[in-house]
Amino acid sequence: MALFVIATAYGLVLPVLPALLATVTPEDIAAATGMMMATYTLATVVASPVWGWLLDRYSARRLLLIGLVGQGLVQLALWWPSSLTVLVLVRALQGALGAVAVPAVLTLAAQWCPPTVYGTAVARVSRAALLGGLAGPLLGGALAQGASLRLPIALATGLILIAAIAVARIRTLPTTASLAAPSRLPDRPRLWLLAAAAMVAGLVMGAMEVGVSVRGREELGLSAPAIGLLFSGCGLVMIAVQTGVFQPQRDPTSLWRWLAPAFLVSALGVGVLRWTSEAWMLGAVVALVAAGGGVLQPTISLWIVRSAGRAHGLQLGLRAALGGLGQAAGALLGGVAFRAQTPQTAWIAVVVGLAVVVAVAIARRPPVQGAEP
């Protein structure tokens, strides 16, 4: 619930950001909107490892509650946007406070779920965030039309505080699960590989997002709603893939074996994006990268917890940070690689090549059946 609410609240505010910024900086709304988005992402990247470190030392439920309450209170400042500086500060605080959600929820899932169903729990968490990402912008756009801009903000704040109340009502934790034995040492080589995998997965996704936007608008002449529909399809494909792959009682060892094919499928999507000439081709590219991403994100998180021993909070925080950095880097590379007039094949080859290298490294290090906890 917490991730669904945070993702929904984030998306609810997106459609009204330009209008809010117009009240304080009407001269250059586009640049200010980009700054707001970048600020949120950067704050998330910086704060995720810090939250992860805290999760290894303090109650995940309490830290999640602090993040939710703090985000809800900070969001109230959007009601009175006095200056661009205030809005940027608000978004930075929202990103920093919201960064606790993913590692905290995954940590709670590791505490609550037996190892045999943890993969399914991770997939459900991921699907909740994806559904929130789909619902938020739709609700925000509908509520902002012909109404006060404060209505989407009020709804987002209310949803966050409701989630905080639900988390606060959890008094005891189940004691049926322990994903790793207390004495187990971290598998550091595998953790390094997973860190690289998280960053490259973000890189591929960021390159695809920018590439589809640029190619769709500049080369194929697609409208903004049409491009938005493509990205909505991305979320739906990821949800469908996760529903099919992450079945209850599935052996985590078999999930590891999905990683290399998922990277290759994603790499194929980015690789053929250079030659798309029809809208349906863009849709196929989005489907390929989304299908790979739907496997990669939850499986990497699952194996981080299995490989890090008991102190996995920091590793989950680092995964979130590296994934965000990779996605930002992919967006920058995509902006260069997929220029409408002169696409840079060399940069496309870099993204595809990194994905293939990680896929090969993963395939060369399979887990031994029965050796993992």
Protein backbone atom coordinates (compact mmCIF):
# COMPACT_ATOMS: atom_id res chain seq x y z
CA MET A 1 0.00 0.00 0.00
CA ALA A 2 2.77 2.44 0.93
CA LEU A 3 4.50 2.21 -2.45
CA PHE A 4 1.22 2.45 -4.35
CA VAL A 5 0.29 5.58 -2.42
CA ILE A 6 3.71 7.24 -2.84
CA ALA A 7 3.75 6.50 -6.56
CA THR A 8 0.18 7.74 -6.94
CA ALA A 9 0.90 10.90 -4.95
CA TYR A 10 4.01 11.57 -7.03
CA GLY A 11 2.02 11.20 -10.25
CA LEU A 12 -0.94 13.23 -8.98
CA VAL A 13 1.22 16.34 -8.71
CA LEU A 14 2.99 15.96 -12.08
CA PRO A 15 0.18 17.43 -14.23
CA VAL A 16 -0.07 20.55 -12.04
CA LEU A 17 3.66 21.25 -11.72
CA PRO A 18 3.83 23.52 -14.80
CA ALA A 19 0.82 25.50 -13.56
CA LEU A 20 2.37 25.83 -10.09
CA LEU A 21 5.64 26.97 -11.60
CA ALA A 22 3.82 29.51 -13.76
CA THR A 23 2.81 31.33 -10.58
CA VAL A 24 6.44 31.89 -9.55
CA THR A 25 8.51 31.77 -12.77
CA PRO A 26 6.35 32.39 -15.85
CA GLU A 27 9.35 33.14 -18.07
CA ASP A 28 10.83 29.67 -18.44
CA ILE A 29 8.40 27.02 -17.26
CA ALA A 30 9.99 24.19 -19.26
CA ALA A 31 13.43 24.68 -17.71
CA ALA A 32 11.93 25.03 -14.23
CA THR A 33 9.90 21.83 -14.68
CA GLY A 34 13.04 19.96 -15.70
CA MET A 35 14.83 21.31 -12.65
CA MET A 36 12.03 20.13 -10.38
CA MET A 37 12.11 16.62 -11.87
CA ALA A 38 15.89 16.40 -11.68
CA THR A 39 15.88 17.63 -8.08
CA TYR A 40 13.48 14.89 -6.99
CA THR A 41 15.54 12.18 -8.71
CA LEU A 42 18.87 13.47 -7.36
CA ALA A 43 17.51 13.67 -3.81
CA THR A 44 16.27 10.08 -4.10
CA VAL A 45 19.66 8.88 -5.33
CA VAL A 46 21.51 10.62 -2.50
CA ALA A 47 19.10 9.61 0.26
CA SER A 48 18.53 5.94 -0.67
CA PRO A 49 21.87 4.63 0.69
CA VAL A 50 21.41 6.65 3.87
CA TRP A 51 17.99 5.13 4.47
CA GLY A 52 19.43 1.71 3.67
CA TRP A 53 22.14 2.16 6.30
CA LEU A 54 19.51 3.18 8.85
CA LEU A 55 17.36 0.17 7.96
CA ASP A 56 20.15 -2.15 9.08
CA ARG A 57 20.06 -0.50 12.52
CA TYR A 58 16.50 0.60 13.24
CA SER A 59 12.93 -0.60 12.72
CA ALA A 60 11.92 -0.60 9.06
CA ARG A 61 8.31 0.13 10.05
CA ARG A 62 9.29 3.23 12.04
CA LEU A 63 11.55 4.56 9.30
CA LEU A 64 8.81 4.03 6.72
CA LEU A 65 6.40 5.88 9.00
CA ILE A 66 8.84 8.79 9.34
CA GLY A 67 9.19 8.98 5.57
CA LEU A 68 5.44 8.92 4.96
CA VAL A 69 4.54 11.51 7.61
CA GLY A 70 7.40 13.76 6.54
CA GLN A 71 6.43 13.57 2.89
CA GLY A 72 2.80 14.30 3.66
CA LEU A 73 3.68 17.38 5.72
CA VAL A 74 6.22 18.67 3.22
CA GLN A 75 3.72 18.30 0.38
CA LEU A 76 1.43 20.81 2.11
CA ALA A 77 3.98 23.51 1.17
CA LEU A 78 2.87 23.12 -2.46
CA TRP A 79 -0.36 24.88 -1.47
CA TRP A 80 1.55 28.13 -1.11
CA PRO A 81 4.26 28.22 -3.83
CA SER A 82 5.96 31.47 -2.84
CA SER A 83 9.08 31.09 -5.02
CA LEU A 84 10.95 28.71 -7.28
CA THR A 85 13.48 28.14 -4.51
CA VAL A 86 10.73 26.94 -2.16
CA LEU A 87 9.30 24.59 -4.79
CA VAL A 88 12.71 23.10 -5.55
CA LEU A 89 13.35 22.62 -1.82
CA VAL A 90 9.96 20.93 -1.41
CA ARG A 91 10.67 18.53 -4.26
CA ALA A 92 14.12 17.76 -2.85
CA LEU A 93 12.62 16.93 0.54
CA GLN A 94 9.92 14.83 -1.09
CA GLY A 95 12.52 12.84 -2.98
CA ALA A 96 14.70 12.39 0.10
CA LEU A 97 11.79 11.30 2.31
CA GLY A 98 10.20 9.11 -0.36
CA ALA A 99 13.48 7.27 -0.91
CA VAL A 100 12.89 5.21 2.23
CA ALA A 101 9.83 3.51 0.76
CA VAL A 102 11.36 0.90 -1.56
CA PRO A 103 14.17 -0.37 0.72
CA ALA A 104 11.90 -0.25 3.80
CA VAL A 105 9.06 -2.19 2.18
CA LEU A 106 11.47 -4.77 0.74
CA THR A 107 13.10 -5.12 4.15
CA LEU A 108 9.71 -5.67 5.78
CA ALA A 109 8.88 -8.23 3.12
CA ALA A 110 12.13 -10.06 3.89
CA GLN A 111 11.18 -10.12 7.58
CA TRP A 112 7.61 -11.26 7.01
CA CYS A 113 7.85 -13.69 4.10
CA PRO A 114 9.36 -17.17 4.00
CA PRO A 115 12.15 -17.46 1.43
CA THR A 116 9.94 -19.51 -0.89
CA VAL A 117 7.46 -16.66 -1.43
CA TYR A 118 9.74 -13.62 -1.11
CA GLY A 119 10.09 -13.35 -4.89
CA THR A 120 6.33 -13.14 -5.24
CA ALA A 121 6.19 -10.50 -2.50
CA VAL A 122 8.85 -8.40 -4.26
CA ALA A 123 6.90 -8.62 -7.52
CA ARG A 124 3.72 -7.49 -5.75
CA VAL A 125 5.58 -4.52 -4.31
CA SER A 126 6.86 -3.62 -7.77
CA ARG A 127 3.38 -3.96 -9.29
CA ALA A 128 1.93 -1.69 -6.59
CA ALA A 129 4.43 1.04 -7.52
CA LEU A 130 3.72 0.56 -11.23
CA LEU A 131 -0.05 0.78 -10.69
CA GLY A 132 0.43 3.95 -8.65
CA GLY A 133 2.55 5.39 -11.44
CA LEU A 134 -0.26 4.70 -13.90
CA ALA A 135 -3.08 6.00 -11.71
CA GLY A 136 -1.42 9.16 -10.40
CA PRO A 137 -1.06 11.21 -13.61
CA LEU A 138 -4.53 10.20 -14.80
CA LEU A 139 -6.15 11.35 -11.55
CA GLY A 140 -4.02 14.48 -11.34
CA GLY A 141 -4.87 15.54 -14.88
CA ALA A 142 -8.59 14.91 -14.35
CA LEU A 143 -8.75 16.78 -11.04
CA ALA A 144 -6.75 19.76 -12.30
CA GLN A 145 -9.02 20.44 -15.24
CA GLY A 146 -11.37 23.26 -14.41
CA ALA A 147 -10.69 22.98 -10.68
CA SER A 148 -8.34 24.46 -8.15
CA LEU A 149 -4.76 23.25 -8.51
CA ARG A 150 -4.86 22.49 -4.82
CA LEU A 151 -7.24 19.57 -5.27
CA PRO A 152 -4.65 17.10 -6.64
CA ILE A 153 -2.19 18.27 -3.98
CA ALA A 154 -4.77 17.76 -1.25
CA LEU A 155 -5.60 14.26 -2.51
CA ALA A 156 -1.92 13.32 -2.70
CA THR A 157 -1.34 14.56 0.84
CA GLY A 158 -4.39 12.73 2.14
CA LEU A 159 -3.35 9.45 0.53
CA ILE A 160 0.13 9.67 2.04
CA LEU A 161 -1.21 10.35 5.51
CA ILE A 162 -3.73 7.48 5.21
CA ALA A 163 -0.86 5.15 4.33
CA ALA A 164 1.06 6.48 7.34
CA ILE A 165 -1.88 5.67 9.62
CA ALA A 166 -2.05 2.15 8.18
CA VAL A 167 1.69 1.63 8.81
CA ALA A 168 1.39 3.04 12.32
CA ARG A 169 -1.33 0.50 13.15
CA ILE A 170 1.09 -2.38 12.55
CA ARG A 171 2.07 -3.26 16.11
CA THR A 172 3.85 -6.59 15.74
CA LEU A 173 5.76 -8.29 13.00
CA PRO A 174 5.26 -11.90 11.96
CA THR A 175 8.04 -14.17 13.16
CA THR A 176 7.68 -16.92 10.58
CA ALA A 177 10.38 -15.81 8.20
CA SER A 178 14.09 -15.25 8.07
CA LEU A 179 15.51 -14.89 4.61
CA ALA A 180 19.10 -15.38 5.68
CA ALA A 181 20.79 -16.93 8.67
CA PRO A 182 22.25 -14.40 11.16
CA SER A 183 25.74 -15.89 10.79
CA ARG A 184 25.77 -15.88 7.01
CA LEU A 185 28.43 -13.64 5.43
CA PRO A 186 27.56 -11.46 2.43
CA ASP A 187 28.37 -12.84 -1.01
CA ARG A 188 30.33 -9.75 -2.08
CA PRO A 189 31.22 -10.83 -5.65
CA ARG A 190 27.54 -11.47 -6.36
CA LEU A 191 26.60 -8.15 -4.72
CA TRP A 192 29.05 -6.30 -6.99
CA LEU A 193 27.52 -8.02 -9.99
CA LEU A 194 24.02 -7.12 -8.82
CA ALA A 195 25.08 -3.49 -8.31
CA ALA A 196 26.29 -3.35 -11.90
CA ALA A 197 23.09 -5.05 -13.03
CA ALA A 198 20.93 -2.45 -11.22
CA MET A 199 22.79 0.43 -12.83
CA VAL A 200 22.74 -1.04 -16.34
CA ALA A 201 19.05 -1.92 -16.01
CA GLY A 202 18.37 1.73 -15.19
CA LEU A 203 20.63 2.83 -18.06
CA VAL A 204 18.68 0.76 -20.58
CA MET A 205 15.31 1.97 -19.28
CA GLY A 206 16.38 5.64 -19.33
CA ALA A 207 17.77 5.35 -22.86
CA MET A 208 14.54 3.73 -24.05
CA GLU A 209 12.33 6.40 -22.46
CA VAL A 210 14.18 9.29 -24.04
CA GLY A 211 14.68 7.45 -27.32
CA VAL A 212 10.98 6.67 -27.69
CA SER A 213 10.04 10.26 -26.81
CA VAL A 214 12.50 11.77 -29.30
CA ARG A 215 11.88 9.32 -32.13
CA GLY A 216 8.14 9.45 -31.61
CA ARG A 217 7.93 13.23 -31.66
CA GLU A 218 10.67 14.29 -34.06
CA GLU A 219 10.80 11.38 -36.51
CA LEU A 220 7.26 9.96 -36.50
CA GLY A 221 5.32 13.09 -35.54
CA LEU A 222 3.39 11.45 -32.72
CA SER A 223 1.38 13.64 -30.37
CA ALA A 224 2.11 13.91 -26.67
CA PRO A 225 -0.97 11.80 -25.75
CA ALA A 226 0.17 9.09 -28.18
CA ILE A 227 3.64 9.00 -26.64
CA GLY A 228 2.08 8.95 -23.18
CA LEU A 229 -0.02 5.96 -24.24
CA LEU A 230 3.17 4.12 -25.21
CA PHE A 231 4.62 4.67 -21.75
CA SER A 232 1.38 3.56 -20.12
CA GLY A 233 1.74 0.38 -22.13
CA CYS A 234 5.25 0.02 -20.69
CA GLY A 235 3.82 -0.16 -17.18
CA LEU A 236 1.12 -2.61 -18.22
CA VAL A 237 3.64 -4.95 -19.88
CA MET A 238 5.84 -4.89 -16.77
CA ILE A 239 2.85 -5.75 -14.58
CA ALA A 240 1.82 -8.60 -16.90
CA VAL A 241 5.33 -10.05 -17.03
CA GLN A 242 5.74 -9.92 -13.26
CA THR A 243 2.38 -11.61 -12.78
CA GLY A 244 3.45 -14.43 -15.06
CA VAL A 245 7.03 -14.91 -13.88
CA PHE A 246 6.74 -14.44 -10.12
CA GLN A 247 4.49 -17.29 -9.12
CA PRO A 248 4.17 -18.52 -5.50
CA GLN A 249 6.69 -21.15 -4.48
CA ARG A 250 8.91 -20.51 -7.54
CA ASP A 251 12.52 -21.43 -6.80
CA PRO A 252 14.67 -18.25 -6.55
CA THR A 253 17.43 -20.11 -8.40
CA SER A 254 15.19 -20.27 -11.46
CA LEU A 255 14.53 -16.55 -11.14
CA TRP A 256 18.28 -15.86 -11.37
CA ARG A 257 18.29 -17.65 -14.70
CA TRP A 258 15.74 -15.16 -16.01
CA LEU A 259 18.16 -12.24 -15.53
CA ALA A 260 20.47 -12.83 -18.51
CA PRO A 261 17.59 -13.33 -21.03
CA ALA A 262 15.86 -10.24 -19.60
CA PHE A 263 18.97 -8.11 -20.21
CA LEU A 264 19.27 -9.46 -23.75
CA VAL A 265 15.61 -8.73 -24.53
CA SER A 266 15.98 -5.19 -23.19
CA ALA A 267 19.20 -4.70 -25.18
CA LEU A 268 17.40 -5.84 -28.33
CA GLY A 269 14.69 -3.25 -27.74
CA VAL A 270 17.17 -0.38 -27.43
CA GLY A 271 19.22 -1.69 -30.34
CA VAL A 272 16.36 -1.75 -32.86
CA LEU A 273 14.98 1.62 -31.69
CA ARG A 274 17.46 3.31 -34.02
CA TRP A 275 15.60 1.90 -37.07
CA THR A 276 11.97 2.37 -36.01
CA SER A 277 9.89 3.98 -38.74
CA GLU A 278 6.31 3.23 -37.61
CA ALA A 279 4.36 3.78 -34.42
CA TRP A 280 3.83 0.04 -33.96
CA MET A 281 7.59 -0.43 -34.05
CA LEU A 282 7.95 1.99 -31.15
CA GLY A 283 5.32 -0.01 -29.33
CA ALA A 284 7.31 -3.19 -29.92
CA VAL A 285 10.47 -1.50 -28.57
CA VAL A 286 8.63 -0.40 -25.44
CA ALA A 287 7.23 -3.91 -24.98
CA LEU A 288 10.68 -5.51 -25.28
CA VAL A 289 12.35 -3.18 -22.77
CA ALA A 290 9.36 -3.34 -20.42
CA ALA A 291 9.32 -7.15 -20.55
CA GLY A 292 12.99 -7.23 -19.59
CA GLY A 293 12.58 -4.55 -16.94
CA GLY A 294 9.63 -6.33 -15.40
CA VAL A 295 11.92 -9.26 -14.61
CA LEU A 296 15.07 -7.30 -13.76
CA GLN A 297 13.90 -4.93 -11.03
CA PRO A 298 12.27 -7.40 -8.61
CA THR A 299 14.76 -10.20 -9.32
CA ILE A 300 17.76 -7.98 -8.60
CA SER A 301 16.14 -6.88 -5.33
CA LEU A 302 15.37 -10.50 -4.41
CA TRP A 303 18.96 -11.60 -4.94
CA ILE A 304 20.40 -8.60 -3.12
CA VAL A 305 18.51 -9.68 -0.02
CA ARG A 306 19.59 -13.30 -0.47
CA SER A 307 23.24 -12.34 -1.03
CA ALA A 308 23.65 -9.65 1.63
CA GLY A 309 22.89 -11.72 4.73
CA ARG A 310 21.06 -9.97 7.52
CA ALA A 311 22.40 -6.47 6.78
CA HIS A 312 20.66 -5.98 3.45
CA GLY A 313 19.12 -2.54 4.02
CA LEU A 314 22.21 -0.69 2.80
CA GLN A 315 22.45 -2.93 -0.26
CA LEU A 316 18.80 -2.26 -1.14
CA GLY A 317 19.40 1.47 -0.73
CA LEU A 318 22.43 1.28 -3.00
CA ARG A 319 20.41 -0.65 -5.58
CA ALA A 320 17.80 2.10 -5.62
CA ALA A 321 20.48 4.77 -5.92
CA LEU A 322 22.40 2.98 -8.67
CA GLY A 323 19.19 2.29 -10.57
CA GLY A 324 18.32 5.99 -10.40
CA LEU A 325 21.81 7.02 -11.50
CA GLY A 326 21.69 4.54 -14.35
CA GLN A 327 18.32 5.83 -15.49
CA ALA A 328 19.54 9.44 -15.40
CA ALA A 329 22.67 8.48 -17.35
CA GLY A 330 20.54 6.55 -19.83
CA ALA A 331 18.34 9.59 -20.35
CA LEU A 332 21.42 11.73 -21.09
CA LEU A 333 22.86 9.12 -23.46
CA GLY A 334 19.48 8.66 -25.10
CA GLY A 335 19.24 12.37 -25.78
CA VAL A 336 22.50 12.17 -27.72
CA ALA A 337 22.08 8.74 -29.26
CA PHE A 338 18.58 9.15 -30.68
CA ARG A 339 18.77 12.54 -32.34
CA ALA A 340 16.11 12.63 -35.02
CA GLN A 341 18.38 13.81 -37.83
CA THR A 342 21.71 12.23 -36.88
CA PRO A 343 21.33 9.25 -34.55
CA GLN A 344 24.64 8.32 -32.91
CA THR A 345 24.96 4.58 -33.40
CA ALA A 346 28.14 4.43 -31.30
CA TRP A 347 26.30 5.59 -28.15
CA ILE A 348 23.50 3.13 -28.83
CA ALA A 349 26.12 0.41 -29.10
CA VAL A 350 27.51 1.44 -25.68
CA VAL A 351 24.13 0.94 -23.98
CA VAL A 352 23.46 -2.34 -25.78
CA GLY A 353 27.01 -3.57 -25.17
CA LEU A 354 26.85 -2.93 -21.43
CA ALA A 355 23.59 -4.85 -21.19
CA VAL A 356 25.10 -7.78 -23.08
CA VAL A 357 28.24 -7.76 -20.89
CA VAL A 358 26.14 -7.90 -17.72
CA ALA A 359 23.99 -10.67 -19.20
CA VAL A 360 27.09 -12.75 -19.95
CA ALA A 361 28.52 -12.12 -16.45
CA ILE A 362 25.24 -13.22 -14.87
CA ALA A 363 25.06 -16.34 -17.03
CA ARG A 364 28.62 -17.26 -16.00
CA ARG A 365 27.80 -17.08 -12.29
CA PRO A 366 24.75 -19.28 -11.74
CA PRO A 367 23.70 -20.02 -8.17
CA VAL A 368 24.26 -23.57 -6.98
CA GLN A 369 21.04 -25.38 -6.13
CA GLY A 370 20.88 -25.87 -2.40
CA ALA A 371 23.93 -23.71 -1.65
CA GLU A 372 21.97 -20.50 -1.29
CA PRO A 373 19.95 -19.86 1.89
